[in-house]
C-alpha atoms as a PDB file:
ATOM      1  CA  UNK A   1      -5.137 301.088 119.355  1.00  0.00           C
ATOM      2  CA  UNK A   2      -2.440 298.692 118.205  1.00  0.00           C
ATOM      3  CA  UNK A   3      -2.139 297.390 114.676  1.00  0.00           C
ATOM      4  CA  UNK A   4      -2.938 293.906 116.009  1.00  0.00           C
ATOM      5  CA  UNK A   5      -6.199 295.205 117.491  1.00  0.00           C
ATOM      6  CA  UNK A   6      -7.096 296.848 114.167  1.00  0.00           C
ATOM      7  CA  UNK A   7      -6.380 293.604 112.308  1.00  0.00           C
ATOM      8  CA  UNK A   8      -8.608 291.725 114.771  1.00  0.00           C
ATOM      9  CA  UNK A   9     -11.414 294.247 114.230  1.00  0.00           C
ATOM     10  CA  UNK A  10     -11.169 293.933 110.450  1.00  0.00           C
ATOM     11  CA  UNK A  11     -11.140 290.123 110.677  1.00  0.00           C
ATOM     12  CA  UNK A  12     -14.181 290.134 112.983  1.00  0.00           C
ATOM     13  CA  UNK A  13     -16.086 292.543 110.725  1.00  0.00           C
ATOM     14  CA  UNK A  14     -15.474 290.535 107.561  1.00  0.00           C
ATOM     15  CA  UNK A  15     -15.613 287.030 109.032  1.00  0.00           C
ATOM     16  CA  UNK A  16     -19.061 287.831 110.426  1.00  0.00           C
ATOM     17  CA  UNK A  17     -20.218 287.455 106.801  1.00  0.00           C
ATOM     18  CA  UNK A  18     -20.418 283.919 105.481  1.00  0.00           C
ATOM     19  CA  UNK A  19     -20.634 284.613 101.772  1.00  0.00           C
ATOM     20  CA  UNK A  20     -18.563 286.681  99.399  1.00  0.00           C
ATOM     21  CA  UNK A  21     -21.419 288.965  98.355  1.00  0.00           C
ATOM     22  CA  UNK A  22     -21.833 290.198 101.933  1.00  0.00           C
ATOM     23  CA  UNK A  23     -18.071 290.694 102.241  1.00  0.00           C
ATOM     24  CA  UNK A  24     -18.137 292.560  98.939  1.00  0.00           C
ATOM     25  CA  UNK A  25     -20.849 294.886 100.289  1.00  0.00           C
ATOM     26  CA  UNK A  26     -18.762 295.418 103.432  1.00  0.00           C
ATOM     27  CA  UNK A  27     -15.767 296.312 101.263  1.00  0.00           C
ATOM     28  CA  UNK A  28     -17.895 298.803  99.309  1.00  0.00           C
ATOM     29  CA  UNK A  29     -19.005 300.331 102.629  1.00  0.00           C
ATOM     30  CA  UNK A  30     -15.359 300.749 103.680  1.00  0.00           C
ATOM     31  CA  UNK A  31     -14.724 302.599 100.405  1.00  0.00           C
ATOM     32  CA  UNK A  32     -17.731 304.856 100.862  1.00  0.00           C
ATOM     33  CA  UNK A  33     -16.543 305.769 104.370  1.00  0.00           C
ATOM     34  CA  UNK A  34     -13.033 306.655 103.189  1.00  0.00           C
ATOM     35  CA  UNK A  35     -12.657 310.443 103.157  1.00  0.00           C
ATOM     36  CA  UNK A  36     -12.036 311.895  99.709  1.00  0.00           C
ATOM     37  CA  UNK A  37      -8.427 312.899  99.239  1.00  0.00           C
ATOM     38  CA  UNK A  38      -7.891 316.551  98.326  1.00  0.00           C
ATOM     39  CA  UNK A  39      -7.630 317.026  94.555  1.00  0.00           C
ATOM     40  CA  UNK A  40      -4.200 318.621  94.973  1.00  0.00           C
ATOM     41  CA  UNK A  41      -3.009 315.176  96.121  1.00  0.00           C
ATOM     42  CA  UNK A  42      -4.552 313.343  93.161  1.00  0.00           C
ATOM     43  CA  UNK A  43      -1.316 313.697  91.225  1.00  0.00           C
ATOM     44  CA  UNK A  44       1.157 311.254  89.702  1.00  0.00           C
ATOM     45  CA  UNK A  45       3.504 311.687  92.680  1.00  0.00           C
ATOM     46  CA  UNK A  46       0.971 309.862  94.869  1.00  0.00           C
ATOM     47  CA  UNK A  47      -0.494 307.537  92.246  1.00  0.00           C
ATOM     48  CA  UNK A  48       0.182 303.865  92.849  1.00  0.00           C
ATOM     49  CA  UNK A  49       1.620 302.283  89.747  1.00  0.00           C
ATOM     50  CA  UNK A  50       0.481 298.779  88.871  1.00  0.00           C
ATOM     51  CA  UNK A  51      -3.188 299.348  89.577  1.00  0.00           C
ATOM     52  CA  UNK A  52      -5.733 299.119  86.786  1.00  0.00           C
ATOM     53  CA  UNK A  53      -7.762 301.899  88.422  1.00  0.00           C
ATOM     54  CA  UNK A  54      -6.440 305.224  89.624  1.00  0.00           C
ATOM     55  CA  UNK A  55      -5.292 304.975  93.244  1.00  0.00           C
ATOM     56  CA  UNK A  56      -3.608 307.772  95.178  1.00  0.00           C
ATOM     57  CA  UNK A  57      -1.810 307.291  98.487  1.00  0.00           C
ATOM     58  CA  UNK A  58      -0.615 310.387 100.356  1.00  0.00           C
ATOM     59  CA  UNK A  59       1.813 309.589 103.204  1.00  0.00           C
ATOM     60  CA  UNK A  60       2.777 311.702 106.188  1.00  0.00           C
ATOM     61  CA  UNK A  61       4.911 311.066 109.222  1.00  0.00           C
ATOM     62  CA  UNK A  62       3.198 312.493 112.295  1.00  0.00           C
ATOM     63  CA  UNK A  63       4.836 312.120 115.705  1.00  0.00           C
ATOM     64  CA  UNK A  64       6.693 309.045 114.498  1.00  0.00           C
ATOM     65  CA  UNK A  65       3.596 307.377 113.042  1.00  0.00           C
ATOM     66  CA  UNK A  66       2.752 306.740 109.394  1.00  0.00           C
ATOM     67  CA  UNK A  67      -0.505 308.439 108.479  1.00  0.00           C
ATOM     68  CA  UNK A  68      -2.062 307.817 105.087  1.00  0.00           C
ATOM     69  CA  UNK A  69      -4.789 309.403 103.018  1.00  0.00           C
ATOM     70  CA  UNK A  70      -6.016 307.591  99.938  1.00  0.00           C
ATOM     71  CA  UNK A  71      -8.610 307.582  97.205  1.00  0.00           C
ATOM     72  CA  UNK A  72      -9.498 305.720  94.031  1.00  0.00           C
ATOM     73  CA  UNK A  73     -11.722 306.294  91.050  1.00  0.00           C
ATOM     74  CA  UNK A  74     -13.176 302.767  91.411  1.00  0.00           C
ATOM     75  CA  UNK A  75     -15.450 301.958  94.345  1.00  0.00           C
ATOM     76  CA  UNK A  76     -14.168 298.408  94.943  1.00  0.00           C
ATOM     77  CA  UNK A  77     -10.551 299.558  94.799  1.00  0.00           C
ATOM     78  CA  UNK A  78     -11.425 302.424  97.119  1.00  0.00           C
ATOM     79  CA  UNK A  79     -12.706 299.807  99.560  1.00  0.00           C
ATOM     80  CA  UNK A  80      -9.502 297.796  99.259  1.00  0.00           C
ATOM     81  CA  UNK A  81      -7.224 300.775  99.904  1.00  0.00           C
ATOM     82  CA  UNK A  82      -9.584 301.881 102.688  1.00  0.00           C
ATOM     83  CA  UNK A  83      -9.230 298.473 104.310  1.00  0.00           C
ATOM     84  CA  UNK A  84      -5.441 298.745 104.162  1.00  0.00           C
ATOM     85  CA  UNK A  85      -5.630 302.201 105.744  1.00  0.00           C
ATOM     86  CA  UNK A  86      -7.897 300.914 108.536  1.00  0.00           C
ATOM     87  CA  UNK A  87      -5.053 298.608 109.511  1.00  0.00           C
ATOM     88  CA  UNK A  88      -1.875 300.495 108.630  1.00  0.00           C
ATOM     89  CA  UNK A  89      -2.586 304.220 108.972  1.00  0.00           C
ATOM     90  CA  UNK A  90      -1.539 305.734 112.307  1.00  0.00           C
ATOM     91  CA  UNK A  91       0.969 302.933 112.931  1.00  0.00           C
ATOM     92  CA  UNK A  92       4.672 303.099 113.525  1.00  0.00           C
ATOM     93  CA  UNK A  93       6.832 302.132 110.559  1.00  0.00           C
ATOM     94  CA  UNK A  94       8.070 299.139 112.562  1.00  0.00           C
ATOM     95  CA  UNK A  95       4.503 297.922 113.128  1.00  0.00           C
ATOM     96  CA  UNK A  96       3.759 298.176 109.414  1.00  0.00           C
ATOM     97  CA  UNK A  97       6.864 296.242 108.450  1.00  0.00           C
ATOM     98  CA  UNK A  98       6.229 293.577 111.113  1.00  0.00           C
ATOM     99  CA  UNK A  99       2.634 292.952 110.030  1.00  0.00           C
ATOM    100  CA  UNK A 100       2.309 291.746 106.448  1.00  0.00           C
ATOM    101  CA  UNK A 101      -1.259 291.722 105.114  1.00  0.00           C
ATOM    102  CA  UNK A 102      -2.055 288.076 105.990  1.00  0.00           C
ATOM    103  CA  UNK A 103      -5.426 289.320 107.260  1.00  0.00           C
ATOM    104  CA  UNK A 104      -6.527 289.791 103.637  1.00  0.00           C
ATOM    105  CA  UNK A 105      -6.304 286.037 103.126  1.00  0.00           C
ATOM    106  CA  UNK A 106      -7.954 285.247 106.458  1.00  0.00           C
ATOM    107  CA  UNK A 107     -10.990 287.394 105.576  1.00  0.00           C
ATOM    108  CA  UNK A 108     -11.263 285.862 102.096  1.00  0.00           C
ATOM    109  CA  UNK A 109     -10.701 288.992 100.035  1.00  0.00           C
ATOM    110  CA  UNK A 110      -7.783 287.627  98.043  1.00  0.00           C
ATOM    111  CA  UNK A 111      -9.795 284.572  96.942  1.00  0.00           C
ATOM    112  CA  UNK A 112     -12.261 286.689  94.994  1.00  0.00           C
ATOM    113  CA  UNK A 113     -10.170 289.310  93.247  1.00  0.00           C
ATOM    114  CA  UNK A 114      -9.337 289.229  89.562  1.00  0.00           C
ATOM    115  CA  UNK A 115      -5.702 288.910  88.566  1.00  0.00           C
ATOM    116  CA  UNK A 116      -5.564 292.646  87.782  1.00  0.00           C
ATOM    117  CA  UNK A 117      -7.049 293.579  91.161  1.00  0.00           C
ATOM    118  CA  UNK A 118      -4.689 291.157  92.946  1.00  0.00           C
ATOM    119  CA  UNK A 119      -1.728 292.797  91.222  1.00  0.00           C
ATOM    120  CA  UNK A 120      -3.095 296.205  92.193  1.00  0.00           C
ATOM    121  CA  UNK A 121      -3.468 295.075  95.805  1.00  0.00           C
ATOM    122  CA  UNK A 122       0.156 293.943  95.833  1.00  0.00           C
ATOM    123  CA  UNK A 123       1.177 297.350  94.492  1.00  0.00           C
ATOM    124  CA  UNK A 124      -0.789 299.103  97.247  1.00  0.00           C
ATOM    125  CA  UNK A 125       0.804 296.983  99.975  1.00  0.00           C
ATOM    126  CA  UNK A 126       4.257 297.449  98.477  1.00  0.00           C
ATOM    127  CA  UNK A 127       3.797 301.240  98.405  1.00  0.00           C
ATOM    128  CA  UNK A 128       2.663 301.320 102.042  1.00  0.00           C
ATOM    129  CA  UNK A 129       5.703 299.241 103.019  1.00  0.00           C
ATOM    130  CA  UNK A 130       7.994 301.477 100.951  1.00  0.00           C
ATOM    131  CA  UNK A 131       6.723 304.556 102.777  1.00  0.00           C
ATOM    132  CA  UNK A 132       7.133 302.749 106.116  1.00  0.00           C
ATOM    133  CA  UNK A 133      10.752 301.993 105.240  1.00  0.00           C
ATOM    134  CA  UNK A 134      11.347 305.620 104.267  1.00  0.00           C
ATOM    135  CA  UNK A 135       9.776 306.774 107.519  1.00  0.00           C
ATOM    136  CA  UNK A 136      12.002 304.372 109.504  1.00  0.00           C
ATOM    137  CA  UNK A 137      14.980 306.041 107.887  1.00  0.00           C
ATOM    138  CA  UNK A 138      13.713 309.531 108.718  1.00  0.00           C
ATOM    139  CA  UNK A 139      13.044 308.551 112.336  1.00  0.00           C
ATOM    140  CA  UNK A 140      16.565 307.129 112.638  1.00  0.00           C
ATOM    141  CA  UNK A 141      17.826 310.593 111.622  1.00  0.00           C
ATOM    142  CA  UNK A 142      15.781 312.249 114.368  1.00  0.00           C
ATOM    143  CA  UNK A 143      12.736 313.360 112.369  1.00  0.00           C
ATOM    144  CA  UNK A 144       9.305 312.611 113.772  1.00  0.00           C
ATOM    145  CA  UNK A 145       7.242 314.679 111.357  1.00  0.00           C
ATOM    146  CA  UNK A 146       7.451 314.842 107.596  1.00  0.00           C
ATOM    147  CA  UNK A 147       5.074 315.591 104.774  1.00  0.00           C
ATOM    148  CA  UNK A 148       6.242 313.920 101.611  1.00  0.00           C
END
């Protein structure tokens, strides 16, 4: 499935809810469905700086595609990172770089986050894009698989 298709699915899922409380519950559900990251990956190397809560993002390059695992110690934040993974994980680095997270605005998530959570969201997106850039570089050198 293309990244555009995943964005459309996320938009349809969230825009089916008229009010923020229903969207909030949907976001919590996304977090609850996110697989727990192995404790060995809950280390500072994978921790996203700039988030009020603890957030870990473990990247891998698998057959030329960026694959992410993530977790957080806060359920709402876990939903936010889970939402980003629904869209960006299993995408090519080029797809990630070509698709900024405008869908977050279109589904209304960014309108209801505190300043701290908004800053954390920016940090999550920036880290995903940083890994995508790194993976582009590795692919240009002939690597299709890498565990960072």
